[in-house]
Amino acid sequence: MPGAVEIKSQKVADELKNALPSKLEVKRVSKTFEAKRGEKFLALDDVSLNVGEGEFVCLVGPSGCGKSTLLNLIAGLDKADSGEILTNGKPVSEPGRDRMMMFQEHALFPWLDVIGNVMFGLKLKPNLNDSERREVAKYYLHLVGLDRFLNSAIHELSGGMRQRVALARSLAPNPQILLMDEPFGALDALTRENLYGDLQRIWQQRKKTIVFVTHNIREAVCLGDRVILFSPNPGKIREEFKVELPRPRSINDPALSEVSSVITAALKCHLDAKGVME
């Protein structure tokens, strides 16, 4: 648990205080991409979504429905053709340290060890010196259960451990919003199940606003306060489902399976004959 980590300086203690979670507003956002032959593909069509402070929202739907596109727009990695995205009432126009992104691929630097990768993310904190960054990095690696691997090389870690490092690196700058794009999609079932529990614990402790993209409806129900259902061609929000199951949740809970079945049936209703579930 985080309390077992000794914090040596008041500056680090202040840095580790929970950042106030951010409210997120997506207002009538549309985004078009141009294909190789000059054809245009409407990835998002008039999408609106509100995410409350500290809320955990999961975006679900088949490939091509605009989930990851929306996440990139929220992160400031791309710009919408129309509409606007606001965090705490301020327009998103570029990447910012209030919003951190975690991808399916860990994107760790192989020439840095575990703690070096987490410290790299702390370059966004110019007010900290190297010793203080190291102390903050140790805290977050403890939070994700990697105390014994601070100096390990990335190639020595399992897939699940690498994603834990990536999660620690995303959390270390203390963002208000954490954006997660299918971060567990490439992991085996047992590793994913362990990470579901860890992520719920960390979310409750660190009080982040989280927007989580997944193809896996059971995963979405296990993690989310709400599940937002997208359909493709063009990408639109079709329905949303509030998940009121108690936490912590287990992916194997029969009640969770029942909620997942309802959402799966709704998604099938929205897909046309060419829709593909993955």
Foldseek 3Di string as FASTA:
>chain_A
DLVVADDDDVVLVVQLAFDWAKKKWWFQFWAWDADPVRDIATAEGGAIDIFDQLFAEEEADAPSQNQVVVLCCQQQVDDTPDTFMDINRHTRNHHDLLEFEQEQDLPFDQVAFLLRRLLVLCVSPVVDDPVSSSSLSCSLCVLLPNNVRNGPGPVVDDLLVSLSSSVSSSPSSNHSEYEYEPNCVPDDPVSVQVVLQSVQVCSVVNSHRYYYYDNDLLSRLQRGQKYFYWYPPHTYTDDMDGRDDDPNGGSPDVVSVVVSVVVVVVNVVPYDPPGDRD
